[in-house]
Amino acid sequence: MKPVFAKILEGLENEVYATRFIDRPSFTTEFHFHTECQITYIVKSAGYKIVGDCVENFDAGELTFLGSCIPHVWHNDPVPDAVTSLSEVSARSVALFFHPEKLVALLSNFFNTKKLQTVVETAKRGMKFYGKTKESLKNLLLKMSHEKQSPAKLILLLEMLELLCSAREYVLLAGAGYVNTYSNRDNEKMDKVFKYVFANLSANISLEAAASLIHMNKQAFCRYFKSRTQKTFIDFVNEVRITQACKLMAGDDHSIGAIAYQCGFNSLTNFNRFFKKIKGMPPREYRIKLTE
């Protein structure tokens, strides 16, 4: 999925920050990136997210802080056919966007912004919060999104920034060596490939079929995919399948063998090998840790 460069605050030249609500049957944005930093709280939804080179599940209650120009997308689990209107939304979120350079320049007139600049730089790998920090950020974000008065909204923003500057309860999403190598060209190509993988996790995923989606031969496709994602197509497919397996292990009592086949692995041996490679432990040990 080739990320689209998005201009979040376009048309709002005098705005340094803005909040937005999303209320839809599903999240519909393409894989994209933008200059603005983005803090997002998922009120309702579940599925996969991609942040840089990170692929993992997301659920309601997740709160992330994405820095400038890191590619990202939230991809919903399949939406029931009965969901046809906004009165039956399956995807709900609230987000804060701010232009980092403009905000730092503005606040530098009043206090030292070194800590803020540091956390904005850290967020270029994507930050996912937990614990009391997540709850505090969520509450501030929800208050800010409902506030109509600019002074009160600014005060809440400053409280959020102060909390971010001292936060310790977070994990980084993208790898330490991740670099955004995407451009604005061919944005539909990788979009088609990712959607093909997500839709066929339990079936046969063919390298030839993926390559044909974007009119490439296998060799050219493999080079193209790795240059953009910094991983091979096969590694990406296995990573998404293991991500799905982890979700299933947390939510039902099916055997590990049944989960392996449900996620598209044709042998339990291959599943165990890839699971340990990606998660650092065998699937049985992972399942035990889920109950601790």
Protein backbone atom coordinates (compact mmCIF):
# COMPACT_ATOMS: atom_id res chain seq x y z
CA MET A 1 0.00 0.00 0.00
CA LYS A 2 1.76 3.12 -1.19
CA PRO A 3 1.10 5.87 1.34
CA VAL A 4 -0.54 9.08 0.21
CA PHE A 5 0.96 12.35 1.40
CA ALA A 6 -1.94 14.05 3.20
CA LYS A 7 -2.36 17.75 4.00
CA ILE A 8 -4.37 17.61 7.20
CA LEU A 9 -4.55 21.34 7.94
CA GLU A 10 -4.82 22.44 4.32
CA GLY A 11 -7.17 25.42 4.02
CA LEU A 12 -6.57 26.26 7.69
CA GLU A 13 -3.36 28.23 7.22
CA ASN A 14 -3.69 30.05 10.54
CA GLU A 15 -4.40 26.87 12.49
CA VAL A 16 -1.59 25.24 14.45
CA TYR A 17 -3.76 22.39 15.75
CA ALA A 18 -7.20 20.86 15.22
CA THR A 19 -9.33 18.01 16.59
CA ARG A 20 -11.51 15.68 14.54
CA PHE A 21 -14.11 12.99 15.16
CA ILE A 22 -14.44 9.93 12.93
CA ASP A 23 -17.82 8.14 12.98
CA ARG A 24 -18.23 5.65 10.13
CA PRO A 25 -19.05 2.02 9.33
CA SER A 26 -15.27 1.58 8.88
CA PHE A 27 -12.05 3.56 8.76
CA THR A 28 -11.63 4.43 5.09
CA THR A 29 -8.39 6.37 4.73
CA GLU A 30 -5.61 4.96 2.57
CA PHE A 31 -2.11 4.27 3.82
CA HIS A 32 -0.75 7.82 4.15
CA PHE A 33 1.58 10.20 5.94
CA HIS A 34 1.56 13.92 6.71
CA THR A 35 3.66 16.65 8.27
CA GLU A 36 1.28 17.08 11.19
CA CYS A 37 1.68 15.02 14.36
CA GLN A 38 -1.38 12.95 15.24
CA ILE A 39 -2.72 11.72 18.58
CA THR A 40 -5.54 9.20 18.07
CA TYR A 41 -7.85 7.48 20.52
CA ILE A 42 -9.86 4.52 19.17
CA VAL A 43 -13.31 4.70 20.74
CA LYS A 44 -14.79 1.80 18.78
CA SER A 45 -13.23 -0.54 16.22
CA ALA A 46 -10.81 -3.45 15.84
CA GLY A 47 -8.51 -4.74 13.13
CA TYR A 48 -4.94 -4.23 11.96
CA LYS A 49 -2.83 -1.12 11.92
CA ILE A 50 0.36 -0.37 10.04
CA VAL A 51 2.73 2.26 11.44
CA GLY A 52 6.00 2.47 9.56
CA ASP A 53 7.28 -1.11 9.47
CA CYS A 54 5.06 -2.20 12.37
CA VAL A 55 2.03 -4.42 11.71
CA GLU A 56 -0.15 -5.31 14.68
CA ASN A 57 -3.69 -5.59 15.95
CA PHE A 58 -5.60 -2.65 17.35
CA ASP A 59 -8.71 -2.58 19.53
CA ALA A 60 -11.01 -0.06 21.13
CA GLY A 61 -9.21 1.89 23.85
CA GLU A 62 -5.91 2.24 22.01
CA LEU A 63 -4.15 5.62 22.11
CA THR A 64 -1.22 6.44 19.85
CA PHE A 65 0.97 9.44 19.09
CA LEU A 66 2.39 9.47 15.56
CA GLY A 67 5.07 11.94 14.64
CA SER A 68 5.64 13.81 11.41
CA CYS A 69 5.73 11.85 8.13
CA ILE A 70 5.44 8.29 9.47
CA PRO A 71 3.18 6.24 7.13
CA HIS A 72 0.15 4.71 8.82
CA VAL A 73 -3.31 3.24 8.35
CA TRP A 74 -5.97 1.51 10.44
CA HIS A 75 -7.64 -1.39 8.63
CA ASN A 76 -10.90 -2.65 10.12
CA ASP A 77 -11.97 -6.20 10.65
CA PRO A 78 -14.79 -7.09 8.22
CA VAL A 79 -17.93 -5.04 8.90
CA PRO A 80 -21.22 -6.96 9.13
CA ASP A 81 -23.51 -6.51 6.13
CA ALA A 82 -26.19 -5.19 8.47
CA VAL A 83 -24.07 -2.13 9.23
CA THR A 84 -25.26 0.30 6.59
CA SER A 85 -25.62 3.69 8.26
CA LEU A 86 -23.88 6.02 10.65
CA SER A 87 -26.40 5.03 13.30
CA GLU A 88 -24.65 1.63 13.30
CA VAL A 89 -21.04 2.74 13.20
CA SER A 90 -18.29 0.20 13.66
CA ALA A 91 -15.43 2.72 13.58
CA ARG A 92 -15.25 5.66 15.94
CA SER A 93 -12.19 7.67 16.92
CA VAL A 94 -11.10 11.12 17.98
CA ALA A 95 -7.81 12.69 16.91
CA LEU A 96 -5.70 15.75 17.56
CA PHE A 97 -3.45 17.07 14.79
CA PHE A 98 -0.78 19.72 15.26
CA HIS A 99 1.98 21.11 13.08
CA PRO A 100 5.15 20.40 15.09
CA GLU A 101 7.34 23.22 13.77
CA LYS A 102 4.62 25.84 14.06
CA LEU A 103 3.66 24.73 17.55
CA VAL A 104 7.25 24.63 18.80
CA ALA A 105 7.90 28.09 17.32
CA LEU A 106 4.79 29.46 19.01
CA LEU A 107 5.51 27.96 22.43
CA SER A 108 9.19 28.87 22.35
CA ASN A 109 8.09 32.45 22.96
CA PHE A 110 6.94 31.43 26.44
CA PHE A 111 9.17 28.58 27.68
CA ASN A 112 11.94 26.15 26.81
CA THR A 113 10.66 23.64 24.23
CA LYS A 114 13.60 21.20 24.29
CA LYS A 115 11.58 18.40 25.93
CA LEU A 116 8.72 18.92 23.49
CA GLN A 117 11.09 18.74 20.54
CA THR A 118 12.53 15.50 21.94
CA VAL A 119 9.14 13.78 22.30
CA VAL A 120 8.08 14.96 18.83
CA GLU A 121 11.24 13.38 17.45
CA THR A 122 10.58 10.15 19.39
CA ALA A 123 7.05 10.03 17.98
CA LYS A 124 8.46 9.65 14.46
CA ARG A 125 8.60 5.94 15.33
CA GLY A 126 5.04 5.97 16.66
CA MET A 127 4.22 5.74 20.38
CA LYS A 128 1.48 3.57 21.90
CA PHE A 129 0.52 4.48 25.47
CA TYR A 130 -0.74 2.36 28.35
CA GLY A 131 -1.57 2.62 32.03
CA LYS A 132 -2.38 5.87 33.82
CA THR A 133 -0.68 7.91 31.10
CA LYS A 134 -3.06 6.59 28.47
CA GLU A 135 -6.10 7.29 30.66
CA SER A 136 -4.95 10.85 31.37
CA LEU A 137 -4.22 11.57 27.71
CA LYS A 138 -7.56 10.09 26.68
CA ASN A 139 -9.48 12.24 29.13
CA LEU A 140 -7.68 15.40 28.05
CA LEU A 141 -8.20 14.59 24.37
CA LEU A 142 -11.92 13.95 24.81
CA LYS A 143 -12.35 17.18 26.79
CA MET A 144 -10.41 19.12 24.19
CA SER A 145 -12.45 17.69 21.30
CA HIS A 146 -15.70 18.86 22.93
CA GLU A 147 -14.41 22.29 24.01
CA LYS A 148 -15.65 25.23 21.92
CA GLN A 149 -13.71 28.05 23.53
CA SER A 150 -10.19 28.56 22.12
CA PRO A 151 -8.50 29.58 25.41
CA ALA A 152 -9.85 26.52 27.24
CA LYS A 153 -8.88 24.30 24.32
CA LEU A 154 -5.34 25.69 24.34
CA ILE A 155 -5.00 25.05 28.07
CA LEU A 156 -6.00 21.41 27.54
CA LEU A 157 -3.47 21.13 24.70
CA LEU A 158 -0.72 22.45 26.95
CA GLU A 159 -1.69 19.90 29.62
CA MET A 160 -1.43 17.12 27.05
CA LEU A 161 1.96 18.31 25.85
CA GLU A 162 3.26 18.53 29.41
CA LEU A 163 2.11 14.96 30.03
CA LEU A 164 3.71 13.73 26.81
CA CYS A 165 7.02 15.34 27.76
CA SER A 166 7.22 13.33 30.99
CA ALA A 167 5.53 10.11 29.83
CA ARG A 168 7.20 6.76 30.43
CA GLU A 169 4.25 4.39 29.88
CA TYR A 170 4.55 3.77 26.17
CA VAL A 171 6.00 1.40 23.60
CA LEU A 172 7.55 2.41 20.29
CA LEU A 173 5.95 0.95 17.17
CA ALA A 174 8.32 1.26 14.20
CA GLY A 175 11.78 -0.27 14.38
CA ALA A 176 14.81 1.76 15.46
CA GLY A 177 16.21 1.76 11.93
CA TYR A 178 12.96 2.54 10.15
CA VAL A 179 13.14 5.21 7.44
CA ASN A 180 10.18 6.42 5.38
CA THR A 181 11.20 5.68 1.79
CA TYR A 182 7.77 6.34 0.24
CA SER A 183 7.05 9.05 -2.30
CA ASN A 184 3.79 10.41 -3.65
CA ARG A 185 3.84 8.27 -6.80
CA ASP A 186 2.02 5.01 -7.41
CA ASN A 187 -0.06 5.34 -4.25
CA GLU A 188 -2.59 2.75 -5.39
CA LYS A 189 -0.08 -0.04 -5.90
CA MET A 190 0.75 -0.97 -2.34
CA ASP A 191 -2.80 -0.23 -1.29
CA LYS A 192 -3.99 -3.06 -3.53
CA VAL A 193 -1.32 -5.43 -2.23
CA PHE A 194 -2.07 -4.84 1.45
CA LYS A 195 -5.80 -5.23 0.93
CA TYR A 196 -5.20 -8.47 -0.97
CA VAL A 197 -3.18 -9.86 1.96
CA PHE A 198 -5.69 -8.78 4.63
CA ALA A 199 -8.58 -10.31 2.68
CA ASN A 200 -6.90 -13.68 2.15
CA LEU A 201 -5.15 -14.53 5.42
CA SER A 202 -6.85 -17.91 5.75
CA ALA A 203 -6.44 -18.76 2.06
CA ASN A 204 -3.54 -19.13 -0.32
CA ILE A 205 -1.63 -15.87 -0.79
CA SER A 206 0.28 -15.97 -4.02
CA LEU A 207 3.36 -13.92 -4.81
CA GLU A 208 2.38 -14.09 -8.46
CA ALA A 209 -1.12 -12.81 -7.71
CA ALA A 210 0.21 -9.93 -5.61
CA ALA A 211 2.66 -8.95 -8.33
CA SER A 212 -0.01 -9.09 -11.03
CA LEU A 213 -2.20 -6.69 -9.04
CA ILE A 214 0.29 -3.93 -9.74
CA HIS A 215 1.37 -5.22 -13.16
CA MET A 216 4.85 -6.41 -12.22
CA ASN A 217 6.73 -9.66 -12.62
CA LYS A 218 7.78 -11.50 -9.47
CA GLN A 219 11.38 -10.28 -9.44
CA ALA A 220 10.47 -6.61 -9.91
CA PHE A 221 7.68 -6.88 -7.35
CA CYS A 222 9.96 -8.39 -4.70
CA ARG A 223 12.48 -5.57 -5.14
CA TYR A 224 9.73 -2.94 -5.14
CA PHE A 225 8.00 -4.29 -2.04
CA LYS A 226 11.17 -4.63 0.03
CA SER A 227 12.42 -1.17 -0.93
CA ARG A 228 9.17 0.33 0.40
CA THR A 229 8.43 -1.81 3.46
CA GLN A 230 11.99 -2.83 4.39
CA LYS A 231 10.89 -6.47 4.56
CA THR A 232 10.19 -9.20 2.02
CA PHE A 233 6.66 -9.91 0.86
CA ILE A 234 6.75 -13.39 2.44
CA ASP A 235 7.97 -11.97 5.76
CA PHE A 236 5.18 -9.41 5.66
CA VAL A 237 2.52 -12.07 5.00
CA ASN A 238 3.82 -14.24 7.84
CA GLU A 239 3.94 -11.25 10.18
CA VAL A 240 0.30 -10.39 9.48
CA ARG A 241 -0.73 -14.03 9.90
CA ILE A 242 1.09 -14.32 13.23
CA THR A 243 -0.56 -11.08 14.33
CA GLN A 244 -3.94 -12.63 13.55
CA ALA A 245 -2.96 -15.81 15.40
CA CYS A 246 -2.08 -13.81 18.53
CA LYS A 247 -5.49 -12.17 18.42
CA LEU A 248 -7.24 -15.53 18.09
CA MET A 249 -5.23 -17.02 20.96
CA ALA A 250 -6.34 -14.18 23.19
CA GLY A 251 -10.00 -14.54 22.29
CA ASP A 252 -10.96 -18.22 22.02
CA ASP A 253 -10.16 -21.74 23.18
CA HIS A 254 -9.27 -23.28 19.82
CA SER A 255 -6.17 -25.44 19.72
CA ILE A 256 -2.94 -23.92 18.47
CA GLY A 257 -3.07 -26.26 15.50
CA ALA A 258 -6.55 -25.10 14.54
CA ILE A 259 -5.48 -21.46 14.84
CA ALA A 260 -2.41 -22.10 12.68
CA TYR A 261 -4.51 -23.51 9.83
CA GLN A 262 -7.12 -20.79 10.27
CA CYS A 263 -4.39 -18.20 9.74
CA GLY A 264 -3.21 -19.77 6.51
CA PHE A 265 -0.27 -21.93 7.61
CA ASN A 266 -0.21 -25.32 5.92
CA SER A 267 1.74 -27.03 8.69
CA LEU A 268 2.05 -26.66 12.44
CA THR A 269 5.85 -26.90 12.12
CA ASN A 270 5.98 -23.81 9.90
CA PHE A 271 3.60 -21.96 12.19
CA ASN A 272 5.72 -22.71 15.29
CA ARG A 273 8.90 -21.67 13.48
CA PHE A 274 7.57 -18.35 12.22
CA PHE A 275 5.79 -17.61 15.50
CA LYS A 276 9.00 -18.00 17.49
CA LYS A 277 10.94 -15.95 14.94
CA ILE A 278 8.48 -13.05 15.12
CA LYS A 279 7.39 -13.17 18.77
CA GLY A 280 10.55 -14.54 20.34
CA MET A 281 8.80 -17.49 21.98
CA PRO A 282 6.79 -20.58 20.99
CA PRO A 283 3.01 -20.15 20.63
CA ARG A 284 2.25 -22.32 23.66
CA GLU A 285 4.46 -20.14 25.87
CA TYR A 286 2.80 -17.02 24.42
CA ARG A 287 -0.66 -18.39 25.25
CA ILE A 288 0.41 -19.17 28.83
CA LYS A 289 1.67 -15.61 29.27
CA LEU A 290 -1.72 -14.28 28.13
CA THR A 291 -3.31 -15.89 31.22
CA GLU A 292 -0.74 -14.67 33.73
